[in-house]
Amino acid sequence: MTTADGGVMRTGSRRWLPAGRLDRRLLDAGRGRLLRGVIVLGALVGTGAALGATYGMVAEPTYTANAFVVVTATSDLGLSRETGYAQAYSRIAATPDVLAAATASTGSAPAALAGEVVATASRDAPMIEISVSGRDAQRTAAIATAVTGALIDHGNRQSAATAVRLSVFSSATVPVTPSSPTPSLLALAGAGAGLLLGGLLILGPPAPLPAEARPRIPVVLPGGAGR
């Protein structure tokens, strides 16, 4: 039991600590925390979207040109052998031996081309894709064409031993649209990052309530305890 003013009342050998019900101050604290969380979340989402869109508008666009080379057997090797040779030649497409032959028409050093050229081979078809990315659309197409020709020449010089020949399946064309993300896509990514960060902040451990807003729970202690 407690007195009218919330004091301590002793009954027999027991002492009753102050007890009270959850008052409006506790509810107000919860509403305030929720409101602050919503405001922070909205600010982070808006800031992330703005930063993403700004970067997309300021950053110089990147273009990618693609060319395709097909490997065909000069004898009855089978599709699996042709595919195996395609994978092997894709691994040497960006090596100095091949890139050195492509520098004559591009005017770039092999070391510079190595960072721009990516060659990949299909797992189930004798096809090699040569991709070149850069800031200049015309230059990316020219490099892709030069590397394609250099790889074909390199492979066909070995055709007597490999019994396969390389040829152009699809020539590189000048890319019209950038391959880099658009400002709207970057804005969406920035908003998503802000939403994730804000969600983590909101779902984090709550701040402790002030002493006056905490509910008081009655505790029964033995009469001699705490004296």
C-alpha atoms as a PDB file:
ATOM      1  CA  MET A   1       0.000   0.000   0.000  1.00  0.00           C
ATOM      2  CA  THR A   2       1.016   3.598  -0.531  1.00  0.00           C
ATOM      3  CA  THR A   3      -0.072   6.840   0.968  1.00  0.00           C
ATOM      4  CA  ALA A   4      -2.017   9.410  -1.006  1.00  0.00           C
ATOM      5  CA  ASP A   5       1.149  11.299  -1.857  1.00  0.00           C
ATOM      6  CA  GLY A   6       2.988   8.171  -3.082  1.00  0.00           C
ATOM      7  CA  GLY A   7       4.988   7.715   0.133  1.00  0.00           C
ATOM      8  CA  VAL A   8       6.016   4.460   1.788  1.00  0.00           C
ATOM      9  CA  MET A   9       3.622   2.595   4.048  1.00  0.00           C
ATOM     10  CA  ARG A  10       4.747  -0.238   6.268  1.00  0.00           C
ATOM     11  CA  THR A  11       2.250  -2.956   7.134  1.00  0.00           C
ATOM     12  CA  GLY A  12       3.338  -5.491   9.677  1.00  0.00           C
ATOM     13  CA  SER A  13       6.778  -6.735   8.767  1.00  0.00           C
ATOM     14  CA  ARG A  14       6.528  -5.621   5.133  1.00  0.00           C
ATOM     15  CA  ARG A  15       7.535  -2.413   3.454  1.00  0.00           C
ATOM     16  CA  TRP A  16       5.777  -1.288   0.226  1.00  0.00           C
ATOM     17  CA  LEU A  17       7.754   0.713  -2.366  1.00  0.00           C
ATOM     18  CA  PRO A  18       6.023   3.509  -4.339  1.00  0.00           C
ATOM     19  CA  ALA A  19       3.793   2.148  -7.138  1.00  0.00           C
ATOM     20  CA  GLY A  20       1.960   3.979  -9.867  1.00  0.00           C
ATOM     21  CA  ARG A  21       0.221   3.401 -13.152  1.00  0.00           C
ATOM     22  CA  LEU A  22       1.642   4.129 -16.620  1.00  0.00           C
ATOM     23  CA  ASP A  23       0.785   7.781 -17.066  1.00  0.00           C
ATOM     24  CA  ARG A  24       0.560  10.076 -20.064  1.00  0.00           C
ATOM     25  CA  ARG A  25       4.215  11.002 -19.837  1.00  0.00           C
ATOM     26  CA  LEU A  26       5.202   7.484 -20.926  1.00  0.00           C
ATOM     27  CA  LEU A  27       2.847   7.610 -23.915  1.00  0.00           C
ATOM     28  CA  ASP A  28       4.119  11.039 -24.871  1.00  0.00           C
ATOM     29  CA  ALA A  29       7.692   9.762 -24.773  1.00  0.00           C
ATOM     30  CA  GLY A  30       6.773   6.898 -27.142  1.00  0.00           C
ATOM     31  CA  ARG A  31       4.984   9.216 -29.555  1.00  0.00           C
ATOM     32  CA  GLY A  32       7.903  11.627 -29.522  1.00  0.00           C
ATOM     33  CA  ARG A  33      10.377   8.870 -30.308  1.00  0.00           C
ATOM     34  CA  LEU A  34       8.201   7.619 -33.179  1.00  0.00           C
ATOM     35  CA  LEU A  35       7.846  11.121 -34.582  1.00  0.00           C
ATOM     36  CA  ARG A  36      11.574  11.716 -34.416  1.00  0.00           C
ATOM     37  CA  GLY A  37      12.182   8.395 -36.159  1.00  0.00           C
ATOM     38  CA  VAL A  38       9.818   9.294 -39.011  1.00  0.00           C
ATOM     39  CA  ILE A  39      11.464  12.691 -39.447  1.00  0.00           C
ATOM     40  CA  VAL A  40      14.963  11.167 -39.491  1.00  0.00           C
ATOM     41  CA  LEU A  41      13.851   8.464 -41.936  1.00  0.00           C
ATOM     42  CA  GLY A  42      12.342  11.008 -44.319  1.00  0.00           C
ATOM     43  CA  ALA A  43      15.441  13.184 -44.125  1.00  0.00           C
ATOM     44  CA  LEU A  44      17.775  10.279 -44.870  1.00  0.00           C
ATOM     45  CA  VAL A  45      15.683   9.066 -47.811  1.00  0.00           C
ATOM     46  CA  GLY A  46      15.488  12.552 -49.299  1.00  0.00           C
ATOM     47  CA  THR A  47      19.193  13.189 -48.791  1.00  0.00           C
ATOM     48  CA  GLY A  48      20.151   9.854 -50.348  1.00  0.00           C
ATOM     49  CA  ALA A  49      17.946  10.456 -53.380  1.00  0.00           C
ATOM     50  CA  ALA A  50      19.320  13.965 -53.854  1.00  0.00           C
ATOM     51  CA  LEU A  51      22.933  12.805 -53.604  1.00  0.00           C
ATOM     52  CA  GLY A  52      22.337   9.958 -56.042  1.00  0.00           C
ATOM     53  CA  ALA A  53      20.629  12.172 -58.605  1.00  0.00           C
ATOM     54  CA  THR A  54      23.328  14.835 -58.276  1.00  0.00           C
ATOM     55  CA  TYR A  55      26.091  12.306 -58.841  1.00  0.00           C
ATOM     56  CA  GLY A  56      24.268  10.920 -61.883  1.00  0.00           C
ATOM     57  CA  MET A  57      23.991  14.386 -63.418  1.00  0.00           C
ATOM     58  CA  VAL A  58      27.577  15.408 -62.646  1.00  0.00           C
ATOM     59  CA  ALA A  59      29.405  12.163 -63.467  1.00  0.00           C
ATOM     60  CA  GLU A  60      30.511  11.680 -67.053  1.00  0.00           C
ATOM     61  CA  PRO A  61      28.558   8.857 -68.764  1.00  0.00           C
ATOM     62  CA  THR A  62      30.205   5.558 -69.674  1.00  0.00           C
ATOM     63  CA  TYR A  63      29.622   3.773 -72.984  1.00  0.00           C
ATOM     64  CA  THR A  64      30.140   0.093 -73.790  1.00  0.00           C
ATOM     65  CA  ALA A  65      30.715  -1.394 -77.258  1.00  0.00           C
ATOM     66  CA  ASN A  66      30.365  -5.148 -77.830  1.00  0.00           C
ATOM     67  CA  ALA A  67      31.650  -7.447 -80.564  1.00  0.00           C
ATOM     68  CA  PHE A  68      31.234 -11.207 -80.928  1.00  0.00           C
ATOM     69  CA  VAL A  69      33.642 -13.785 -82.309  1.00  0.00           C
ATOM     70  CA  VAL A  70      32.611 -17.339 -83.223  1.00  0.00           C
ATOM     71  CA  VAL A  71      34.902 -20.352 -83.202  1.00  0.00           C
ATOM     72  CA  THR A  72      34.285 -23.029 -85.849  1.00  0.00           C
ATOM     73  CA  ALA A  73      36.133 -26.295 -86.359  1.00  0.00           C
ATOM     74  CA  THR A  74      37.849 -27.116 -89.647  1.00  0.00           C
ATOM     75  CA  SER A  75      37.321 -30.806 -88.916  1.00  0.00           C
ATOM     76  CA  ASP A  76      34.788 -32.868 -87.009  1.00  0.00           C
ATOM     77  CA  LEU A  77      35.779 -31.841 -83.478  1.00  0.00           C
ATOM     78  CA  GLY A  78      32.319 -31.475 -82.017  1.00  0.00           C
ATOM     79  CA  LEU A  79      30.611 -28.607 -80.219  1.00  0.00           C
ATOM     80  CA  SER A  80      32.301 -29.257 -76.897  1.00  0.00           C
ATOM     81  CA  ARG A  81      35.787 -28.873 -78.398  1.00  0.00           C
ATOM     82  CA  GLU A  82      34.782 -25.679 -80.196  1.00  0.00           C
ATOM     83  CA  THR A  83      33.361 -24.310 -76.944  1.00  0.00           C
ATOM     84  CA  GLY A  84      36.555 -25.225 -75.142  1.00  0.00           C
ATOM     85  CA  TYR A  85      38.673 -23.343 -77.651  1.00  0.00           C
ATOM     86  CA  ALA A  86      36.349 -20.338 -77.378  1.00  0.00           C
ATOM     87  CA  GLN A  87      36.894 -20.248 -73.627  1.00  0.00           C
ATOM     88  CA  ALA A  88      40.646 -20.573 -74.114  1.00  0.00           C
ATOM     89  CA  TYR A  89      40.814 -17.716 -76.626  1.00  0.00           C
ATOM     90  CA  SER A  90      38.648 -15.500 -74.412  1.00  0.00           C
ATOM     91  CA  ARG A  91      41.349 -15.740 -71.743  1.00  0.00           C
ATOM     92  CA  ILE A  92      44.046 -14.381 -74.052  1.00  0.00           C
ATOM     93  CA  ALA A  93      42.000 -11.643 -75.712  1.00  0.00           C
ATOM     94  CA  ALA A  94      43.208  -9.031 -73.213  1.00  0.00           C
ATOM     95  CA  THR A  95      46.825 -10.215 -73.039  1.00  0.00           C
ATOM     96  CA  PRO A  96      49.723  -8.031 -74.273  1.00  0.00           C
ATOM     97  CA  ASP A  97      50.301 -10.212 -77.356  1.00  0.00           C
ATOM     98  CA  VAL A  98      46.802  -9.555 -78.690  1.00  0.00           C
ATOM     99  CA  LEU A  99      46.481  -5.971 -77.459  1.00  0.00           C
ATOM    100  CA  ALA A 100      49.844  -5.029 -78.991  1.00  0.00           C
ATOM    101  CA  ALA A 101      48.439  -5.883 -82.427  1.00  0.00           C
ATOM    102  CA  ALA A 102      45.393  -3.710 -81.744  1.00  0.00           C
ATOM    103  CA  THR A 103      47.365  -0.600 -80.801  1.00  0.00           C
ATOM    104  CA  ALA A 104      48.205   0.271 -84.390  1.00  0.00           C
ATOM    105  CA  SER A 105      44.636   1.323 -85.167  1.00  0.00           C
ATOM    106  CA  THR A 106      43.730   2.674 -81.722  1.00  0.00           C
ATOM    107  CA  GLY A 107      46.855   4.626 -80.818  1.00  0.00           C
ATOM    108  CA  SER A 108      46.675   3.404 -77.216  1.00  0.00           C
ATOM    109  CA  ALA A 109      49.287   1.464 -75.310  1.00  0.00           C
ATOM    110  CA  PRO A 110      48.521  -2.183 -74.496  1.00  0.00           C
ATOM    111  CA  ALA A 111      48.594  -1.393 -70.775  1.00  0.00           C
ATOM    112  CA  ALA A 112      45.898   1.239 -71.267  1.00  0.00           C
ATOM    113  CA  LEU A 113      43.726  -1.103 -73.317  1.00  0.00           C
ATOM    114  CA  ALA A 114      44.003  -3.873 -70.733  1.00  0.00           C
ATOM    115  CA  GLY A 115      41.879  -1.893 -68.293  1.00  0.00           C
ATOM    116  CA  GLU A 116      39.147  -1.274 -70.871  1.00  0.00           C
ATOM    117  CA  VAL A 117      38.790  -4.637 -72.607  1.00  0.00           C
ATOM    118  CA  VAL A 118      36.810  -7.542 -71.138  1.00  0.00           C
ATOM    119  CA  ALA A 119      36.427 -10.845 -72.981  1.00  0.00           C
ATOM    120  CA  THR A 120      34.024 -13.580 -71.903  1.00  0.00           C
ATOM    121  CA  ALA A 121      33.018 -16.884 -73.465  1.00  0.00           C
ATOM    122  CA  SER A 122      29.717 -18.709 -73.426  1.00  0.00           C
ATOM    123  CA  ARG A 123      29.609 -21.963 -71.503  1.00  0.00           C
ATOM    124  CA  ASP A 124      27.430 -23.772 -74.018  1.00  0.00           C
ATOM    125  CA  ALA A 125      28.312 -22.157 -77.353  1.00  0.00           C
ATOM    126  CA  PRO A 126      31.632 -21.410 -79.154  1.00  0.00           C
ATOM    127  CA  MET A 127      31.108 -17.655 -78.815  1.00  0.00           C
ATOM    128  CA  ILE A 128      33.397 -14.939 -77.442  1.00  0.00           C
ATOM    129  CA  GLU A 129      32.087 -11.531 -76.410  1.00  0.00           C
ATOM    130  CA  ILE A 130      34.510  -8.605 -76.394  1.00  0.00           C
ATOM    131  CA  SER A 131      33.333  -5.577 -74.424  1.00  0.00           C
ATOM    132  CA  VAL A 132      35.054  -2.204 -74.241  1.00  0.00           C
ATOM    133  CA  SER A 133      33.908   0.534 -71.850  1.00  0.00           C
ATOM    134  CA  GLY A 134      34.961   4.159 -71.829  1.00  0.00           C
ATOM    135  CA  ARG A 135      33.860   7.791 -71.866  1.00  0.00           C
ATOM    136  CA  ASP A 136      34.065   8.146 -75.666  1.00  0.00           C
ATOM    137  CA  ALA A 137      31.489   6.096 -77.583  1.00  0.00           C
ATOM    138  CA  GLN A 138      33.403   6.301 -80.882  1.00  0.00           C
ATOM    139  CA  ARG A 139      36.618   5.157 -79.243  1.00  0.00           C
ATOM    140  CA  THR A 140      35.018   2.181 -77.491  1.00  0.00           C
ATOM    141  CA  ALA A 141      33.675   0.885 -80.831  1.00  0.00           C
ATOM    142  CA  ALA A 142      37.057   1.393 -82.513  1.00  0.00           C
ATOM    143  CA  ILE A 143      38.905  -0.481 -79.755  1.00  0.00           C
ATOM    144  CA  ALA A 144      36.398  -3.350 -79.796  1.00  0.00           C
ATOM    145  CA  THR A 145      36.811  -3.680 -83.560  1.00  0.00           C
ATOM    146  CA  ALA A 146      40.614  -3.578 -83.334  1.00  0.00           C
ATOM    147  CA  VAL A 147      40.798  -6.163 -80.531  1.00  0.00           C
ATOM    148  CA  THR A 148      38.369  -8.413 -82.378  1.00  0.00           C
ATOM    149  CA  GLY A 149      40.533  -8.328 -85.493  1.00  0.00           C
ATOM    150  CA  ALA A 150      43.723  -8.907 -83.503  1.00  0.00           C
ATOM    151  CA  LEU A 151      42.225 -11.907 -81.700  1.00  0.00           C
ATOM    152  CA  ILE A 152      40.994 -13.430 -84.958  1.00  0.00           C
ATOM    153  CA  ASP A 153      44.397 -13.018 -86.585  1.00  0.00           C
ATOM    154  CA  HIS A 154      46.125 -14.511 -83.542  1.00  0.00           C
ATOM    155  CA  GLY A 155      43.812 -17.513 -83.445  1.00  0.00           C
ATOM    156  CA  ASN A 156      43.827 -18.217 -87.176  1.00  0.00           C
ATOM    157  CA  ARG A 157      47.607 -18.304 -87.238  1.00  0.00           C
ATOM    158  CA  GLN A 158      47.301 -21.352 -84.997  1.00  0.00           C
ATOM    159  CA  SER A 159      44.505 -23.022 -86.982  1.00  0.00           C
ATOM    160  CA  ALA A 160      46.794 -25.711 -88.433  1.00  0.00           C
ATOM    161  CA  ALA A 161      47.495 -26.955 -84.918  1.00  0.00           C
ATOM    162  CA  THR A 162      44.093 -26.289 -83.317  1.00  0.00           C
ATOM    163  CA  ALA A 163      41.858 -27.218 -86.280  1.00  0.00           C
ATOM    164  CA  VAL A 164      39.571 -24.257 -85.494  1.00  0.00           C
ATOM    165  CA  ARG A 165      39.116 -20.875 -87.053  1.00  0.00           C
ATOM    166  CA  LEU A 166      37.854 -17.621 -85.603  1.00  0.00           C
ATOM    167  CA  SER A 167      35.554 -15.213 -87.434  1.00  0.00           C
ATOM    168  CA  VAL A 168      33.392 -12.169 -86.716  1.00  0.00           C
ATOM    169  CA  PHE A 169      29.897 -13.088 -85.652  1.00  0.00           C
ATOM    170  CA  SER A 170      28.767  -9.524 -84.852  1.00  0.00           C
ATOM    171  CA  SER A 171      30.779  -6.350 -85.362  1.00  0.00           C
ATOM    172  CA  ALA A 172      30.978  -3.595 -82.775  1.00  0.00           C
ATOM    173  CA  THR A 173      28.803  -0.551 -83.354  1.00  0.00           C
ATOM    174  CA  VAL A 174      28.999   2.890 -81.779  1.00  0.00           C
ATOM    175  CA  PRO A 175      26.851   2.813 -78.629  1.00  0.00           C
ATOM    176  CA  VAL A 176      24.074   5.364 -78.597  1.00  0.00           C
ATOM    177  CA  THR A 177      22.986   5.216 -74.965  1.00  0.00           C
ATOM    178  CA  PRO A 178      25.301   5.153 -71.935  1.00  0.00           C
ATOM    179  CA  SER A 179      25.796   1.925 -70.052  1.00  0.00           C
ATOM    180  CA  SER A 180      26.335   3.768 -66.768  1.00  0.00           C
ATOM    181  CA  PRO A 181      23.358   4.190 -64.390  1.00  0.00           C
ATOM    182  CA  THR A 182      20.985   7.064 -65.145  1.00  0.00           C
ATOM    183  CA  PRO A 183      20.366   9.864 -62.606  1.00  0.00           C
ATOM    184  CA  SER A 184      16.909   8.468 -61.832  1.00  0.00           C
ATOM    185  CA  LEU A 185      18.338   5.026 -61.097  1.00  0.00           C
ATOM    186  CA  LEU A 186      21.068   6.493 -58.895  1.00  0.00           C
ATOM    187  CA  ALA A 187      18.452   8.581 -57.081  1.00  0.00           C
ATOM    188  CA  LEU A 188      16.455   5.425 -56.422  1.00  0.00           C
ATOM    189  CA  ALA A 189      19.573   3.668 -55.133  1.00  0.00           C
ATOM    190  CA  GLY A 190      20.377   6.611 -52.861  1.00  0.00           C
ATOM    191  CA  ALA A 191      16.835   6.653 -51.505  1.00  0.00           C
ATOM    192  CA  GLY A 192      17.079   2.924 -50.823  1.00  0.00           C
ATOM    193  CA  ALA A 193      20.343   3.413 -48.934  1.00  0.00           C
ATOM    194  CA  GLY A 194      18.755   6.187 -46.864  1.00  0.00           C
ATOM    195  CA  LEU A 195      15.725   4.005 -46.146  1.00  0.00           C
ATOM    196  CA  LEU A 196      17.958   1.162 -44.993  1.00  0.00           C
ATOM    197  CA  LEU A 197      20.015   3.411 -42.740  1.00  0.00           C
ATOM    198  CA  GLY A 198      16.930   5.082 -41.299  1.00  0.00           C
ATOM    199  CA  GLY A 199      15.303   1.711 -40.657  1.00  0.00           C
ATOM    200  CA  LEU A 200      18.350   0.531 -38.767  1.00  0.00           C
ATOM    201  CA  LEU A 201      18.284   3.662 -36.627  1.00  0.00           C
ATOM    202  CA  ILE A 202      14.583   3.316 -35.873  1.00  0.00           C
ATOM    203  CA  LEU A 203      14.820  -0.379 -35.061  1.00  0.00           C
ATOM    204  CA  GLY A 204      17.822   0.141 -32.811  1.00  0.00           C
ATOM    205  CA  PRO A 205      17.575  -0.092 -29.026  1.00  0.00           C
ATOM    206  CA  PRO A 206      15.315   2.642 -27.603  1.00  0.00           C
ATOM    207  CA  ALA A 207      16.759   5.433 -25.539  1.00  0.00           C
ATOM    208  CA  PRO A 208      16.133   5.053 -21.801  1.00  0.00           C
ATOM    209  CA  LEU A 209      13.131   6.923 -20.484  1.00  0.00           C
ATOM    210  CA  PRO A 210      13.614   9.711 -17.966  1.00  0.00           C
ATOM    211  CA  ALA A 211      13.100   8.736 -14.369  1.00  0.00           C
ATOM    212  CA  GLU A 212       9.851  10.673 -14.063  1.00  0.00           C
ATOM    213  CA  ALA A 213       8.338   8.857 -17.063  1.00  0.00           C
ATOM    214  CA  ARG A 214       9.119   5.348 -15.868  1.00  0.00           C
ATOM    215  CA  PRO A 215       6.304   3.307 -14.370  1.00  0.00           C
ATOM    216  CA  ARG A 216       6.622   2.478 -10.694  1.00  0.00           C
ATOM    217  CA  ILE A 217       6.130  -1.172  -9.814  1.00  0.00           C
ATOM    218  CA  PRO A 218       5.197  -2.200  -6.272  1.00  0.00           C
ATOM    219  CA  VAL A 219       7.801  -4.433  -4.664  1.00  0.00           C
ATOM    220  CA  VAL A 220       7.313  -6.258  -1.416  1.00  0.00           C
ATOM    221  CA  LEU A 221      10.406  -6.516   0.728  1.00  0.00           C
ATOM    222  CA  PRO A 222      10.922  -8.250   4.061  1.00  0.00           C
ATOM    223  CA  GLY A 223      10.492  -5.948   6.979  1.00  0.00           C
ATOM    224  CA  GLY A 224      14.182  -5.875   7.837  1.00  0.00           C
ATOM    225  CA  ALA A 225      15.488  -5.409   4.283  1.00  0.00           C
ATOM    226  CA  GLY A 226      16.884  -2.083   3.223  1.00  0.00           C
ATOM    227  CA  ARG A 227      16.843  -0.653   6.724  1.00  0.00           C
END
